[in-house]
């Protein structure tokens, strides 16, 4: 069984890895764990941006699900 220090370190590492995965897709993880969406520079608000953001959201969900399944 893991002790509290190991669990805290695992959590910090896991959150850092999630931030790295999500930022290129236009999502930022705040320090308190909140997920914030923003417009990545290459998307902006031009026509079709919502479609791209939804594709990015689907990819973000896939990445987080995979990461969770392989780490926990």
PDB file of N, CA and C in Angstrom:
ATOM      1  N   UNK A   1       0.842  -1.189   0.000  1.00  0.00           N
ATOM      2  CA  UNK A   1       0.000   0.000   0.000  1.00  0.00           C
ATOM      3  C   UNK A   1       0.882   1.245   0.000  1.00  0.00           C
ATOM      4  N   UNK A   2       0.488   2.242  -0.754  1.00  0.00           N
ATOM      5  CA  UNK A   2       1.273   3.476  -0.856  1.00  0.00           C
ATOM      6  C   UNK A   2       1.040   4.352   0.367  1.00  0.00           C
ATOM      7  N   UNK A   3       2.100   5.048   0.756  1.00  0.00           N
ATOM      8  CA  UNK A   3       1.906   6.003   1.838  1.00  0.00           C
ATOM      9  C   UNK A   3       1.465   7.345   1.251  1.00  0.00           C
ATOM     10  N   UNK A   4       1.085   8.259   2.119  1.00  0.00           N
ATOM     11  CA  UNK A   4       0.527   9.546   1.678  1.00  0.00           C
ATOM     12  C   UNK A   4       1.518  10.335   0.819  1.00  0.00           C
ATOM     13  N   UNK A   5       2.783  10.287   1.166  1.00  0.00           N
ATOM     14  CA  UNK A   5       3.786  11.032   0.396  1.00  0.00           C
ATOM     15  C   UNK A   5       3.907  10.494  -1.025  1.00  0.00           C
ATOM     16  N   UNK A   6       3.890   9.180  -1.186  1.00  0.00           N
ATOM     17  CA  UNK A   6       3.955   8.586  -2.520  1.00  0.00           C
ATOM     18  C   UNK A   6       2.719   8.929  -3.338  1.00  0.00           C
ATOM     19  N   UNK A   7       1.555   8.918  -2.709  1.00  0.00           N
ATOM     20  CA  UNK A   7       0.312   9.252  -3.404  1.00  0.00           C
ATOM     21  C   UNK A   7       0.321  10.703  -3.854  1.00  0.00           C
ATOM     22  N   UNK A   8       0.774  11.604  -2.994  1.00  0.00           N
ATOM     23  CA  UNK A   8       0.851  13.020  -3.345  1.00  0.00           C
ATOM     24  C   UNK A   8       1.809  13.233  -4.508  1.00  0.00           C
ATOM     25  N   UNK A   9       2.954  12.581  -4.482  1.00  0.00           N
ATOM     26  CA  UNK A   9       3.934  12.714  -5.567  1.00  0.00           C
ATOM     27  C   UNK A   9       3.366  12.155  -6.867  1.00  0.00           C
ATOM     28  N   UNK A  10       2.687  11.010  -6.797  1.00  0.00           N
ATOM     29  CA  UNK A  10       2.054  10.432  -7.980  1.00  0.00           C
ATOM     30  C   UNK A  10       1.043  11.410  -8.562  1.00  0.00           C
ATOM     31  N   UNK A  11       0.221  12.005  -7.701  1.00  0.00           N
ATOM     32  CA  UNK A  11      -0.804  12.957  -8.145  1.00  0.00           C
ATOM     33  C   UNK A  11      -0.168  14.167  -8.818  1.00  0.00           C
ATOM     34  N   UNK A  12       0.864  14.731  -8.220  1.00  0.00           N
ATOM     35  CA  UNK A  12       1.543  15.894  -8.797  1.00  0.00           C
ATOM     36  C   UNK A  12       2.134  15.553 -10.161  1.00  0.00           C
ATOM     37  N   UNK A  13       2.761  14.409 -10.273  1.00  0.00           N
ATOM     38  CA  UNK A  13       3.336  13.989 -11.560  1.00  0.00           C
ATOM     39  C   UNK A  13       2.242  13.761 -12.601  1.00  0.00           C
ATOM     40  N   UNK A  14       1.160  13.118 -12.194  1.00  0.00           N
ATOM     41  CA  UNK A  14       0.052  12.837 -13.096  1.00  0.00           C
ATOM     42  C   UNK A  14      -0.562  14.132 -13.615  1.00  0.00           C
ATOM     43  N   UNK A  15      -0.785  15.106 -12.736  1.00  0.00           N
ATOM     44  CA  UNK A  15      -1.365  16.384 -13.143  1.00  0.00           C
ATOM     45  C   UNK A  15      -0.427  17.128 -14.098  1.00  0.00           C
ATOM     46  N   UNK A  16       0.859  17.085 -13.845  1.00  0.00           N
ATOM     47  CA  UNK A  16       1.827  17.724 -14.740  1.00  0.00           C
ATOM     48  C   UNK A  16       1.773  17.082 -16.125  1.00  0.00           C
ATOM     49  N   UNK A  17       1.710  15.764 -16.160  1.00  0.00           N
ATOM     50  CA  UNK A  17       1.639  15.065 -17.442  1.00  0.00           C
ATOM     51  C   UNK A  17       0.344  15.399 -18.182  1.00  0.00           C
ATOM     52  N   UNK A  18      -0.764  15.541 -17.459  1.00  0.00           N
ATOM     53  CA  UNK A  18      -2.020  15.928 -18.098  1.00  0.00           C
ATOM     54  C   UNK A  18      -1.926  17.329 -18.687  1.00  0.00           C
ATOM     55  N   UNK A  19      -1.309  18.253 -17.958  1.00  0.00           N
ATOM     56  CA  UNK A  19      -1.134  19.617 -18.485  1.00  0.00           C
ATOM     57  C   UNK A  19      -0.367  19.589 -19.797  1.00  0.00           C
ATOM     58  N   UNK A  20       0.691  18.810 -19.850  1.00  0.00           N
ATOM     59  CA  UNK A  20       1.514  18.715 -21.058  1.00  0.00           C
ATOM     60  C   UNK A  20       0.704  18.147 -22.216  1.00  0.00           C
ATOM     61  N   UNK A  21      -0.135  17.165 -21.954  1.00  0.00           N
ATOM     62  CA  UNK A  21      -0.961  16.563 -23.005  1.00  0.00           C
ATOM     63  C   UNK A  21      -2.039  17.512 -23.514  1.00  0.00           C
ATOM     64  N   UNK A  22      -2.635  18.300 -22.622  1.00  0.00           N
ATOM     65  CA  UNK A  22      -3.820  19.080 -22.966  1.00  0.00           C
ATOM     66  C   UNK A  22      -3.530  20.458 -23.549  1.00  0.00           C
ATOM     67  N   UNK A  23      -2.443  21.084 -23.171  1.00  0.00           N
ATOM     68  CA  UNK A  23      -2.180  22.448 -23.646  1.00  0.00           C
ATOM     69  C   UNK A  23      -2.121  22.574 -25.164  1.00  0.00           C
ATOM     70  N   UNK A  24      -1.478  21.653 -25.888  1.00  0.00           N
ATOM     71  CA  UNK A  24      -1.462  21.791 -27.352  1.00  0.00           C
ATOM     72  C   UNK A  24      -2.856  21.700 -27.982  1.00  0.00           C
ATOM     73  N   UNK A  25      -3.819  21.140 -27.242  1.00  0.00           N
ATOM     74  CA  UNK A  25      -5.182  21.009 -27.749  1.00  0.00           C
ATOM     75  C   UNK A  25      -6.066  22.189 -27.358  1.00  0.00           C
ATOM     76  N   UNK A  26      -5.514  23.145 -26.627  1.00  0.00           N
ATOM     77  CA  UNK A  26      -6.283  24.332 -26.268  1.00  0.00           C
ATOM     78  C   UNK A  26      -6.933  24.264 -24.904  1.00  0.00           C
ATOM     79  N   UNK A  27      -6.424  23.399 -24.038  1.00  0.00           N
ATOM     80  CA  UNK A  27      -6.963  23.289 -22.682  1.00  0.00           C
ATOM     81  C   UNK A  27      -5.834  23.464 -21.688  1.00  0.00           C
ATOM     82  N   UNK A  28      -6.149  24.166 -20.620  1.00  0.00           N
ATOM     83  CA  UNK A  28      -5.163  24.416 -19.593  1.00  0.00           C
ATOM     84  C   UNK A  28      -5.687  23.886 -18.269  1.00  0.00           C
ATOM     85  N   UNK A  29      -4.823  23.249 -17.513  1.00  0.00           N
ATOM     86  CA  UNK A  29      -5.189  22.765 -16.185  1.00  0.00           C
ATOM     87  C   UNK A  29      -4.676  23.780 -15.168  1.00  0.00           C
ATOM     88  N   UNK A  30      -5.592  24.340 -14.400  1.00  0.00           N
ATOM     89  CA  UNK A  30      -5.202  25.272 -13.355  1.00  0.00           C
ATOM     90  C   UNK A  30      -4.597  24.501 -12.185  1.00  0.00           C
ATOM     91  N   UNK A  31      -3.886  25.196 -11.312  1.00  0.00           N
ATOM     92  CA  UNK A  31      -3.254  24.546 -10.163  1.00  0.00           C
ATOM     93  C   UNK A  31      -4.263  23.841  -9.258  1.00  0.00           C
ATOM     94  N   UNK A  32      -5.500  24.353  -9.211  1.00  0.00           N
ATOM     95  CA  UNK A  32      -6.515  23.725  -8.358  1.00  0.00           C
ATOM     96  C   UNK A  32      -7.210  22.562  -9.061  1.00  0.00           C
ATOM     97  N   UNK A  33      -6.789  22.228 -10.287  1.00  0.00           N
ATOM     98  CA  UNK A  33      -7.353  21.096 -11.007  1.00  0.00           C
ATOM     99  C   UNK A  33      -8.453  21.443 -11.985  1.00  0.00           C
ATOM    100  N   UNK A  34      -8.885  22.722 -12.007  1.00  0.00           N
ATOM    101  CA  UNK A  34      -9.921  23.124 -12.958  1.00  0.00           C
ATOM    102  C   UNK A  34      -9.382  23.055 -14.379  1.00  0.00           C
ATOM    103  N   UNK A  35     -10.236  22.633 -15.305  1.00  0.00           N
ATOM    104  CA  UNK A  35      -9.885  22.598 -16.721  1.00  0.00           C
ATOM    105  C   UNK A  35     -10.430  23.857 -17.373  1.00  0.00           C
ATOM    106  N   UNK A  36      -9.563  24.606 -18.045  1.00  0.00           N
ATOM    107  CA  UNK A  36      -9.949  25.859 -18.678  1.00  0.00           C
ATOM    108  C   UNK A  36      -9.686  25.735 -20.170  1.00  0.00           C
ATOM    109  N   UNK A  37     -10.694  26.063 -20.983  1.00  0.00           N
ATOM    110  CA  UNK A  37     -10.520  26.044 -22.429  1.00  0.00           C
ATOM    111  C   UNK A  37     -10.076  27.419 -22.892  1.00  0.00           C
ATOM    112  N   UNK A  38      -9.212  27.460 -23.870  1.00  0.00           N
ATOM    113  CA  UNK A  38      -8.794  28.722 -24.463  1.00  0.00           C
ATOM    114  C   UNK A  38      -8.587  28.499 -25.949  1.00  0.00           C
ATOM    115  N   UNK A  39      -8.493  29.564 -26.686  1.00  0.00           N
ATOM    116  CA  UNK A  39      -8.274  29.444 -28.129  1.00  0.00           C
ATOM    117  C   UNK A  39      -6.785  29.314 -28.402  1.00  0.00           C
ATOM    118  N   UNK A  40      -6.348  28.142 -28.875  1.00  0.00           N
ATOM    119  CA  UNK A  40      -4.941  28.030 -29.232  1.00  0.00           C
ATOM    120  C   UNK A  40      -4.613  29.013 -30.347  1.00  0.00           C
ATOM    121  N   UNK A  41      -3.410  29.531 -30.397  1.00  0.00           N
ATOM    122  CA  UNK A  41      -3.051  30.532 -31.406  1.00  0.00           C
ATOM    123  C   UNK A  41      -3.355  30.111 -32.832  1.00  0.00           C
ATOM    124  N   UNK A  42      -3.169  28.819 -33.156  1.00  0.00           N
ATOM    125  CA  UNK A  42      -3.378  28.399 -34.539  1.00  0.00           C
ATOM    126  C   UNK A  42      -4.850  28.278 -34.908  1.00  0.00           C
ATOM    127  N   UNK A  43      -5.750  28.346 -33.927  1.00  0.00           N
ATOM    128  CA  UNK A  43      -7.179  28.231 -34.219  1.00  0.00           C
ATOM    129  C   UNK A  43      -7.854  29.593 -34.238  1.00  0.00           C
ATOM    130  N   UNK A  44      -7.657  30.362 -33.175  1.00  0.00           N
ATOM    131  CA  UNK A  44      -8.307  31.668 -33.078  1.00  0.00           C
ATOM    132  C   UNK A  44      -9.816  31.534 -33.111  1.00  0.00           C
ATOM    133  N   UNK A  45     -10.489  32.515 -33.677  1.00  0.00           N
ATOM    134  CA  UNK A  45     -11.945  32.502 -33.725  1.00  0.00           C
ATOM    135  C   UNK A  45     -12.474  32.527 -35.163  1.00  0.00           C
ATOM    136  N   UNK A  46     -11.665  32.103 -36.100  1.00  0.00           N
ATOM    137  CA  UNK A  46     -12.100  32.110 -37.487  1.00  0.00           C
ATOM    138  C   UNK A  46     -13.199  31.070 -37.724  1.00  0.00           C
ATOM    139  N   UNK A  47     -13.747  31.093 -38.903  1.00  0.00           N
ATOM    140  CA  UNK A  47     -14.806  30.157 -39.276  1.00  0.00           C
ATOM    141  C   UNK A  47     -14.328  28.725 -39.084  1.00  0.00           C
ATOM    142  N   UNK A  48     -15.173  27.901 -38.494  1.00  0.00           N
ATOM    143  CA  UNK A  48     -14.835  26.499 -38.278  1.00  0.00           C
ATOM    144  C   UNK A  48     -14.091  26.237 -36.988  1.00  0.00           C
ATOM    145  N   UNK A  49     -13.808  27.282 -36.223  1.00  0.00           N
ATOM    146  CA  UNK A  49     -13.046  27.101 -34.990  1.00  0.00           C
ATOM    147  C   UNK A  49     -13.787  26.215 -34.000  1.00  0.00           C
ATOM    148  N   UNK A  50     -15.109  26.338 -33.929  1.00  0.00           N
ATOM    149  CA  UNK A  50     -15.870  25.510 -32.997  1.00  0.00           C
ATOM    150  C   UNK A  50     -15.702  24.033 -33.346  1.00  0.00           C
ATOM    151  N   UNK A  51     -15.732  23.714 -34.630  1.00  0.00           N
ATOM    152  CA  UNK A  51     -15.547  22.327 -35.060  1.00  0.00           C
ATOM    153  C   UNK A  51     -14.173  21.810 -34.621  1.00  0.00           C
ATOM    154  N   UNK A  52     -13.158  22.613 -34.810  1.00  0.00           N
ATOM    155  CA  UNK A  52     -11.798  22.225 -34.415  1.00  0.00           C
ATOM    156  C   UNK A  52     -11.726  22.062 -32.904  1.00  0.00           C
ATOM    157  N   UNK A  53     -12.365  22.981 -32.155  1.00  0.00           N
ATOM    158  CA  UNK A  53     -12.340  22.876 -30.702  1.00  0.00           C
ATOM    159  C   UNK A  53     -13.042  21.610 -30.223  1.00  0.00           C
ATOM    160  N   UNK A  54     -14.137  21.232 -30.878  1.00  0.00           N
ATOM    161  CA  UNK A  54     -14.827  19.995 -30.502  1.00  0.00           C
ATOM    162  C   UNK A  54     -13.975  18.770 -30.824  1.00  0.00           C
ATOM    163  N   UNK A  55     -13.278  18.812 -31.940  1.00  0.00           N
ATOM    164  CA  UNK A  55     -12.351  17.719 -32.257  1.00  0.00           C
ATOM    165  C   UNK A  55     -11.254  17.646 -31.195  1.00  0.00           C
ATOM    166  N   UNK A  56     -10.750  18.807 -30.789  1.00  0.00           N
ATOM    167  CA  UNK A  56      -9.719  18.850 -29.757  1.00  0.00           C
ATOM    168  C   UNK A  56     -10.254  18.332 -28.427  1.00  0.00           C
ATOM    169  N   UNK A  57     -11.513  18.658 -28.118  1.00  0.00           N
ATOM    170  CA  UNK A  57     -12.120  18.168 -26.886  1.00  0.00           C
ATOM    171  C   UNK A  57     -12.209  16.647 -26.917  1.00  0.00           C
ATOM    172  N   UNK A  58     -12.641  16.088 -28.039  1.00  0.00           N
ATOM    173  CA  UNK A  58     -12.706  14.631 -28.163  1.00  0.00           C
ATOM    174  C   UNK A  58     -11.321  14.007 -27.994  1.00  0.00           C
ATOM    175  N   UNK A  59     -10.312  14.610 -28.593  1.00  0.00           N
ATOM    176  CA  UNK A  59      -8.942  14.107 -28.466  1.00  0.00           C
ATOM    177  C   UNK A  59      -8.457  14.239 -27.026  1.00  0.00           C
ATOM    178  N   UNK A  60      -8.792  15.338 -26.364  1.00  0.00           N
ATOM    179  CA  UNK A  60      -8.402  15.536 -24.963  1.00  0.00           C
ATOM    180  C   UNK A  60      -9.030  14.462 -24.078  1.00  0.00           C
ATOM    181  N   UNK A  61     -10.292  14.168 -24.302  1.00  0.00           N
ATOM    182  CA  UNK A  61     -10.971  13.127 -23.523  1.00  0.00           C
ATOM    183  C   UNK A  61     -10.297  11.780 -23.745  1.00  0.00           C
ATOM    184  N   UNK A  62      -9.947  11.490 -24.992  1.00  0.00           N
ATOM    185  CA  UNK A  62      -9.263  10.230 -25.307  1.00  0.00           C
ATOM    186  C   UNK A  62      -7.912  10.140 -24.614  1.00  0.00           C
ATOM    187  N   UNK A  63      -7.141  11.231 -24.677  1.00  0.00           N
ATOM    188  CA  UNK A  63      -5.815  11.240 -24.054  1.00  0.00           C
ATOM    189  C   UNK A  63      -5.886  11.074 -22.539  1.00  0.00           C
ATOM    190  N   UNK A  64      -6.802  11.798 -21.907  1.00  0.00           N
ATOM    191  CA  UNK A  64      -6.938  11.714 -20.446  1.00  0.00           C
ATOM    192  C   UNK A  64      -7.409  10.318 -20.042  1.00  0.00           C
ATOM    193  N   UNK A  65      -8.363   9.773 -20.775  1.00  0.00           N
ATOM    194  CA  UNK A  65      -8.860   8.422 -20.468  1.00  0.00           C
ATOM    195  C   UNK A  65      -7.750   7.381 -20.580  1.00  0.00           C
ATOM    196  N   UNK A  66      -6.975   7.485 -21.647  1.00  0.00           N
ATOM    197  CA  UNK A  66      -5.873   6.555 -21.843  1.00  0.00           C
ATOM    198  C   UNK A  66      -4.822   6.706 -20.756  1.00  0.00           C
ATOM    199  N   UNK A  67      -4.482   7.944 -20.451  1.00  0.00           N
ATOM    200  CA  UNK A  67      -3.478   8.203 -19.416  1.00  0.00           C
ATOM    201  C   UNK A  67      -3.939   7.643 -18.076  1.00  0.00           C
ATOM    202  N   UNK A  68      -5.204   7.887 -17.741  1.00  0.00           N
ATOM    203  CA  UNK A  68      -5.745   7.401 -16.477  1.00  0.00           C
ATOM    204  C   UNK A  68      -5.725   5.882 -16.436  1.00  0.00           C
ATOM    205  N   UNK A  69      -6.143   5.253 -17.518  1.00  0.00           N
ATOM    206  CA  UNK A  69      -6.214   3.790 -17.559  1.00  0.00           C
ATOM    207  C   UNK A  69      -4.839   3.136 -17.459  1.00  0.00           C
ATOM    208  N   UNK A  70      -3.816   3.791 -17.988  1.00  0.00           N
ATOM    209  CA  UNK A  70      -2.481   3.192 -17.971  1.00  0.00           C
ATOM    210  C   UNK A  70      -1.676   3.552 -16.733  1.00  0.00           C
ATOM    211  N   UNK A  71      -2.089   4.585 -16.000  1.00  0.00           N
ATOM    212  CA  UNK A  71      -1.320   5.034 -14.833  1.00  0.00           C
ATOM    213  C   UNK A  71      -1.898   4.581 -13.507  1.00  0.00           C
ATOM    214  N   UNK A  72      -3.202   4.437 -13.458  1.00  0.00           N
ATOM    215  CA  UNK A  72      -3.846   4.178 -12.148  1.00  0.00           C
ATOM    216  C   UNK A  72      -4.046   2.703 -11.932  1.00  0.00           C
TER     217      UNK A  72
END
